[in-house]
Amino acid sequence: MKDNVMGSFFGLLAFTVFGFVNIFNKYILATTHINTWHISYWRGLTMCLFNIIACLYFRISIFDIKREHSLTLFFRTFFGGAGQVLNTLQFGLLSLSKAQAMYYTYPIWTAIIGWLFLKERLNKYDIFSIVSAFTGVLILILNRNPNQQGAFKIESPYGVPVALVATFFISLGDVCSRKIGSHISHYVSPAYLGIAIAAMTSVLMLIVDPSAQAIQDYSLKNVGILGAICVLSWMFIVLITKAYQLEKAARVAVMVYIQIVFSTTVDVVYFGNTLGAVDAVGIVLIMAGNFLILVLKCMNVIDACNYLRILI
């Protein structure tokens, strides 16, 4: 019981921290010439460095990994790294509210993964959740505003697809993290994840946008904001890894909804992006589908153990 309470606490704290990460991401993209590639690269590098320092301090070897967990760690690193890179990039393609709404689809992917690869039955609650979330996604796709007012005047047509792939990869990474459990330290797994994020960002930047590698607007103020993003990102990944070690995935994932308080308020009040009625409907549908399924599971209305068998 104590572990479950602490797991929920770490999850709540992690997503609260991540809410601030997303706000700072949007702020630095809206007010400086620093692009998403640089943000993603420095986040990965900081994540790797800080976790290696933590491992040295606590005398934990990053190479002491049992063979039976090495493949799972590889998938957690690859998919988690790719998901985090794409998740950072989407903030340069969508408004903050829409970017956050797309992130809220990630618990749904767990059900789809279980159905496709584990042949698990989808009951009426699962189906409702999936239909509701993807209806919301479809609304956001069809309602893209080419004349969006605010910090970003043009929303990219690639924004929603990039966000969907990002959430899918993040979900796969979280599945692997839960599967690993406490067999690998919550400092070791994020250290490898940081290496992957920095490496993938560098390669993708050279392929997709070589000009982005030029020196950016690194004034003292901007370095401070970028530093805050990097440190908070490190805190998030350590806290969320620890949370998945202690608590069921459904109960950790439901904590993600605290971010809607930060993202929507800041998006409308500070960045000046308008949230239309149709956008609001899409966001509510995404949230409703996820929230219902997770609450029902936590109340044992649905057999959470069978639904999340892949995570145990």
Protein backbone atom coordinates (compact mmCIF):
# COMPACT_ATOMS: atom_id res chain seq x y z
CA MET A 1 0.00 0.00 0.00
CA LYS A 2 2.83 2.38 0.87
CA ASP A 3 4.48 1.77 -2.51
CA ASN A 4 1.17 2.41 -4.28
CA VAL A 5 0.70 5.72 -2.47
CA MET A 6 4.26 6.79 -3.22
CA GLY A 7 3.87 5.71 -6.85
CA SER A 8 0.78 7.90 -7.23
CA PHE A 9 2.59 10.76 -5.50
CA PHE A 10 5.60 10.48 -7.83
CA GLY A 11 3.25 10.36 -10.82
CA LEU A 12 1.39 13.49 -9.72
CA LEU A 13 4.65 15.31 -9.07
CA ALA A 14 6.12 14.16 -12.39
CA PHE A 15 3.21 15.39 -14.53
CA THR A 16 3.08 18.66 -12.61
CA VAL A 17 6.74 19.20 -13.45
CA PHE A 18 6.11 18.20 -17.08
CA GLY A 19 3.34 20.77 -17.30
CA PHE A 20 5.90 23.48 -16.57
CA VAL A 21 8.28 21.92 -19.12
CA ASN A 22 5.67 22.30 -21.84
CA ILE A 23 4.93 25.89 -20.87
CA PHE A 24 8.62 26.82 -20.98
CA ASN A 25 8.95 24.96 -24.30
CA LYS A 26 6.22 27.06 -25.85
CA TYR A 27 7.54 30.26 -24.29
CA ILE A 28 11.07 29.84 -25.65
CA LEU A 29 9.74 28.90 -29.10
CA ALA A 30 7.41 31.90 -29.13
CA THR A 31 9.85 34.55 -27.90
CA THR A 32 13.30 33.47 -29.13
CA HIS A 33 15.03 32.09 -32.21
CA ILE A 34 15.95 28.85 -30.43
CA ASN A 35 14.27 26.02 -32.33
CA THR A 36 12.85 22.67 -31.22
CA TRP A 37 15.91 20.76 -32.43
CA HIS A 38 18.17 22.57 -29.98
CA ILE A 39 15.70 22.17 -27.13
CA SER A 40 15.44 18.43 -27.75
CA TYR A 41 19.22 18.02 -28.02
CA TRP A 42 20.02 19.86 -24.79
CA ARG A 43 17.22 18.04 -22.96
CA GLY A 44 18.71 14.69 -23.94
CA LEU A 45 22.26 15.69 -23.11
CA THR A 46 21.26 17.04 -19.69
CA MET A 47 19.16 13.98 -18.96
CA CYS A 48 22.10 11.71 -19.74
CA LEU A 49 24.67 13.77 -17.80
CA PHE A 50 22.59 14.28 -14.66
CA ASN A 51 21.62 10.62 -14.45
CA ILE A 52 25.22 9.47 -14.90
CA ILE A 53 26.22 11.84 -12.08
CA ALA A 54 23.41 10.38 -9.93
CA CYS A 55 24.60 6.86 -10.71
CA LEU A 56 28.16 7.75 -9.72
CA TYR A 57 26.96 9.39 -6.51
CA PHE A 58 24.82 6.41 -5.48
CA ARG A 59 27.44 3.96 -6.79
CA ILE A 60 25.14 2.42 -9.37
CA SER A 61 26.68 0.87 -12.49
CA ILE A 62 24.95 1.81 -15.73
CA PHE A 63 26.40 -1.33 -17.32
CA ASP A 64 25.15 -3.82 -14.72
CA ILE A 65 22.09 -4.93 -16.67
CA LYS A 66 20.88 -8.52 -16.64
CA ARG A 67 20.60 -10.15 -20.03
CA GLU A 68 16.87 -10.82 -19.67
CA HIS A 69 16.22 -7.09 -19.31
CA SER A 70 18.61 -5.79 -21.98
CA LEU A 71 16.20 -6.13 -24.93
CA THR A 72 13.37 -4.45 -23.01
CA LEU A 73 15.74 -1.63 -22.06
CA PHE A 74 16.72 -1.24 -25.71
CA PHE A 75 13.09 -0.90 -26.79
CA ARG A 76 12.38 1.47 -23.90
CA THR A 77 15.35 3.60 -24.98
CA PHE A 78 14.57 3.55 -28.69
CA PHE A 79 10.82 4.16 -28.59
CA GLY A 80 10.96 6.42 -25.54
CA GLY A 81 13.74 8.49 -27.11
CA ALA A 82 11.97 8.82 -30.46
CA GLY A 83 8.72 9.72 -28.72
CA GLN A 84 10.34 12.42 -26.59
CA VAL A 85 12.08 13.95 -29.63
CA LEU A 86 8.87 14.09 -31.66
CA ASN A 87 6.93 15.34 -28.63
CA THR A 88 9.31 18.30 -28.38
CA LEU A 89 9.09 19.00 -32.11
CA GLN A 90 5.29 19.10 -32.10
CA PHE A 91 5.32 22.24 -29.94
CA GLY A 92 6.71 24.10 -32.93
CA LEU A 93 3.86 22.80 -35.10
CA LEU A 94 0.74 23.16 -32.91
CA SER A 95 -0.74 25.52 -30.35
CA LEU A 96 -0.03 24.56 -26.74
CA SER A 97 -3.59 23.37 -26.06
CA LYS A 98 -3.69 21.13 -29.14
CA ALA A 99 -0.20 19.78 -28.50
CA GLN A 100 -1.22 18.86 -24.96
CA ALA A 101 -4.51 17.34 -26.12
CA MET A 102 -2.65 15.05 -28.51
CA TYR A 103 -0.40 13.94 -25.67
CA TYR A 104 -3.49 12.85 -23.74
CA THR A 105 -4.11 10.05 -26.25
CA TYR A 106 -1.14 8.03 -25.06
CA PRO A 107 -2.99 5.83 -22.49
CA ILE A 108 -5.28 4.68 -25.32
CA TRP A 109 -2.35 3.16 -27.19
CA THR A 110 -1.93 0.66 -24.36
CA ALA A 111 -5.29 -0.89 -25.19
CA ILE A 112 -4.48 -1.03 -28.90
CA ILE A 113 -1.06 -2.60 -28.26
CA GLY A 114 -2.65 -5.23 -26.02
CA TRP A 115 -5.30 -6.02 -28.64
CA LEU A 116 -2.87 -6.26 -31.55
CA PHE A 117 0.05 -8.08 -29.95
CA LEU A 118 -1.42 -9.85 -26.91
CA LYS A 119 -4.83 -10.69 -28.45
CA GLU A 120 -6.58 -9.16 -25.45
CA ARG A 121 -10.33 -8.61 -25.75
CA LEU A 122 -11.56 -5.02 -25.96
CA ASN A 123 -14.76 -4.53 -23.96
CA LYS A 124 -17.30 -1.74 -24.40
CA TYR A 125 -15.36 0.65 -22.18
CA ASP A 126 -12.17 0.11 -24.17
CA ILE A 127 -14.01 0.66 -27.45
CA PHE A 128 -15.73 3.81 -26.16
CA SER A 129 -12.41 5.20 -24.99
CA ILE A 130 -10.70 4.56 -28.32
CA VAL A 131 -13.58 5.93 -30.42
CA SER A 132 -13.92 9.02 -28.22
CA ALA A 133 -10.21 9.84 -28.28
CA PHE A 134 -9.75 9.37 -32.01
CA THR A 135 -12.92 11.32 -32.77
CA GLY A 136 -11.30 14.17 -30.87
CA VAL A 137 -8.08 13.71 -32.82
CA LEU A 138 -10.01 13.76 -36.12
CA ILE A 139 -11.75 17.00 -35.10
CA LEU A 140 -8.40 18.64 -34.39
CA ILE A 141 -7.04 17.48 -37.75
CA LEU A 142 -10.03 18.77 -39.73
CA ASN A 143 -10.21 22.02 -37.76
CA ARG A 144 -6.60 23.10 -38.26
CA ASN A 145 -6.59 26.90 -38.35
CA PRO A 146 -4.24 28.29 -41.04
CA ASN A 147 -4.67 31.80 -39.64
CA GLN A 148 -4.15 30.99 -35.96
CA GLN A 149 -3.63 34.13 -33.91
CA GLY A 150 -1.05 34.34 -31.16
CA ALA A 151 2.53 33.24 -30.80
CA PHE A 152 2.34 30.94 -33.82
CA LYS A 153 0.32 32.30 -36.69
CA ILE A 154 0.44 29.13 -38.81
CA GLU A 155 -0.26 25.62 -37.60
CA SER A 156 1.60 23.02 -39.61
CA PRO A 157 -0.43 20.27 -41.33
CA TYR A 158 2.22 17.88 -40.00
CA GLY A 159 1.55 18.82 -36.37
CA VAL A 160 -1.16 16.29 -35.51
CA PRO A 161 0.46 13.30 -37.30
CA VAL A 162 3.79 14.03 -35.59
CA ALA A 163 1.99 14.29 -32.24
CA LEU A 164 0.18 10.97 -32.81
CA VAL A 165 3.41 9.12 -33.61
CA ALA A 166 5.06 10.76 -30.59
CA THR A 167 2.36 9.58 -28.20
CA PHE A 168 2.41 6.08 -29.67
CA PHE A 169 6.17 5.80 -29.17
CA ILE A 170 5.96 7.28 -25.67
CA SER A 171 3.32 4.69 -24.82
CA LEU A 172 5.57 1.87 -26.03
CA GLY A 173 8.40 3.31 -23.96
CA ASP A 174 6.19 3.45 -20.87
CA VAL A 175 5.09 -0.15 -21.44
CA CYS A 176 8.73 -1.21 -21.47
CA SER A 177 9.49 0.90 -18.41
CA ARG A 178 6.69 -0.76 -16.45
CA LYS A 179 7.82 -4.19 -17.66
CA ILE A 180 11.37 -3.52 -16.43
CA GLY A 181 10.05 -2.43 -13.04
CA SER A 182 12.66 -2.04 -10.32
CA HIS A 183 15.08 -4.48 -11.93
CA ILE A 184 16.93 -1.48 -13.38
CA SER A 185 17.51 1.72 -11.40
CA HIS A 186 15.32 4.74 -12.16
CA TYR A 187 18.59 6.60 -12.87
CA VAL A 188 20.07 4.05 -15.29
CA SER A 189 17.13 3.76 -17.71
CA PRO A 190 16.78 7.57 -18.14
CA ALA A 191 20.55 7.85 -18.70
CA TYR A 192 20.29 5.66 -21.79
CA LEU A 193 17.13 7.50 -22.79
CA GLY A 194 19.01 10.82 -22.69
CA ILE A 195 21.74 9.44 -24.95
CA ALA A 196 19.10 8.27 -27.42
CA ILE A 197 17.29 11.64 -27.42
CA ALA A 198 20.50 13.61 -28.08
CA ALA A 199 21.66 11.18 -30.80
CA MET A 200 18.28 10.95 -32.57
CA THR A 201 17.84 14.71 -32.50
CA SER A 202 21.26 15.27 -34.06
CA VAL A 203 20.68 12.75 -36.85
CA LEU A 204 17.14 13.95 -37.65
CA MET A 205 18.22 17.58 -37.61
CA LEU A 206 20.99 16.91 -40.14
CA ILE A 207 18.59 15.00 -42.40
CA VAL A 208 15.44 17.12 -42.13
CA ASP A 209 16.71 20.62 -41.39
CA PRO A 210 20.53 21.02 -41.67
CA SER A 211 20.32 24.80 -41.30
CA ALA A 212 18.91 24.36 -37.77
CA GLN A 213 22.35 23.41 -36.44
CA ALA A 214 23.48 27.06 -36.71
CA ILE A 215 24.16 28.91 -33.46
CA GLN A 216 20.89 30.11 -31.96
CA ASP A 217 19.92 33.08 -29.78
CA TYR A 218 21.76 32.00 -26.63
CA SER A 219 21.50 35.12 -24.51
CA LEU A 220 21.83 34.81 -20.73
CA LYS A 221 18.03 34.90 -20.28
CA ASN A 222 17.42 32.29 -22.95
CA VAL A 223 20.11 30.02 -21.55
CA GLY A 224 18.40 30.27 -18.17
CA ILE A 225 15.01 29.27 -19.63
CA LEU A 226 16.59 26.46 -21.65
CA GLY A 227 18.39 25.32 -18.52
CA ALA A 228 15.07 25.24 -16.63
CA ILE A 229 13.56 23.09 -19.41
CA CYS A 230 16.48 20.67 -19.25
CA VAL A 231 16.53 20.34 -15.45
CA LEU A 232 12.75 19.98 -15.21
CA SER A 233 12.80 17.38 -18.01
CA TRP A 234 15.40 15.41 -16.08
CA MET A 235 13.27 15.60 -12.92
CA PHE A 236 10.21 14.45 -14.87
CA ILE A 237 11.82 11.40 -16.42
CA VAL A 238 13.31 10.25 -13.11
CA LEU A 239 10.04 10.77 -11.22
CA ILE A 240 7.86 9.10 -13.84
CA THR A 241 10.23 6.12 -14.09
CA LYS A 242 10.07 5.73 -10.31
CA ALA A 243 6.28 6.05 -10.40
CA TYR A 244 5.94 3.20 -12.91
CA GLN A 245 8.14 1.04 -10.68
CA LEU A 246 5.78 1.44 -7.73
CA GLU A 247 2.26 1.79 -9.11
CA LYS A 248 -0.05 0.41 -11.80
CA ALA A 249 0.22 2.25 -15.10
CA ALA A 250 -3.46 3.24 -15.13
CA ARG A 251 -3.20 5.01 -11.80
CA VAL A 252 -0.03 6.83 -12.83
CA ALA A 253 -1.37 7.79 -16.27
CA VAL A 254 -4.50 9.43 -14.89
CA MET A 255 -2.25 12.05 -13.25
CA VAL A 256 -1.49 13.46 -16.71
CA TYR A 257 -4.72 15.46 -16.68
CA ILE A 258 -3.33 17.97 -14.21
CA GLN A 259 -1.44 19.45 -17.18
CA ILE A 260 -4.65 20.68 -18.80
CA VAL A 261 -4.86 23.29 -16.03
CA PHE A 262 -1.48 24.68 -17.00
CA SER A 263 -1.55 24.34 -20.77
CA THR A 264 -4.98 25.72 -21.62
CA THR A 265 -4.76 28.64 -19.19
CA VAL A 266 -1.31 29.71 -20.34
CA ASP A 267 -2.10 29.11 -24.02
CA VAL A 268 -5.11 31.44 -23.99
CA VAL A 269 -4.05 34.03 -21.38
CA TYR A 270 -0.35 34.42 -22.16
CA PHE A 271 0.31 33.21 -25.71
CA GLY A 272 -2.93 34.68 -27.06
CA ASN A 273 -3.93 31.56 -28.99
CA THR A 274 -7.68 31.30 -29.37
CA LEU A 275 -9.41 28.08 -28.40
CA GLY A 276 -12.51 27.75 -30.57
CA ALA A 277 -15.62 25.78 -29.68
CA VAL A 278 -14.78 23.00 -32.15
CA ASP A 279 -11.24 22.71 -30.76
CA ALA A 280 -12.68 22.53 -27.25
CA VAL A 281 -15.02 19.69 -28.28
CA GLY A 282 -12.11 17.73 -29.73
CA ILE A 283 -10.02 18.22 -26.61
CA VAL A 284 -12.91 17.24 -24.32
CA LEU A 285 -13.56 14.06 -26.33
CA ILE A 286 -9.91 13.06 -26.03
CA MET A 287 -9.90 13.73 -22.31
CA ALA A 288 -13.27 12.07 -21.68
CA GLY A 289 -12.32 8.81 -23.37
CA ASN A 290 -9.07 8.51 -21.42
CA PHE A 291 -10.42 9.74 -18.11
CA LEU A 292 -13.42 7.41 -18.07
CA ILE A 293 -11.45 4.28 -18.86
CA LEU A 294 -8.77 5.06 -16.29
CA VAL A 295 -11.19 5.96 -13.50
CA LEU A 296 -13.23 2.82 -14.11
CA LYS A 297 -10.09 0.73 -13.92
CA CYS A 298 -8.94 2.37 -10.71
CA MET A 299 -12.38 1.63 -9.22
CA ASN A 300 -12.04 -2.01 -10.28
CA VAL A 301 -15.14 -1.76 -12.49
CA ILE A 302 -12.95 -3.24 -15.20
CA ASP A 303 -10.32 -5.89 -14.60
CA ALA A 304 -7.25 -3.66 -14.68
CA CYS A 305 -4.90 -6.60 -14.29
CA ASN A 306 -6.03 -8.22 -17.54
CA TYR A 307 -6.17 -4.91 -19.39
CA LEU A 308 -2.65 -3.97 -18.35
CA ARG A 309 -1.13 -7.44 -18.37
CA ILE A 310 1.60 -6.19 -20.68
CA LEU A 311 2.70 -3.71 -18.06
CA ILE A 312 3.13 -6.16 -15.20
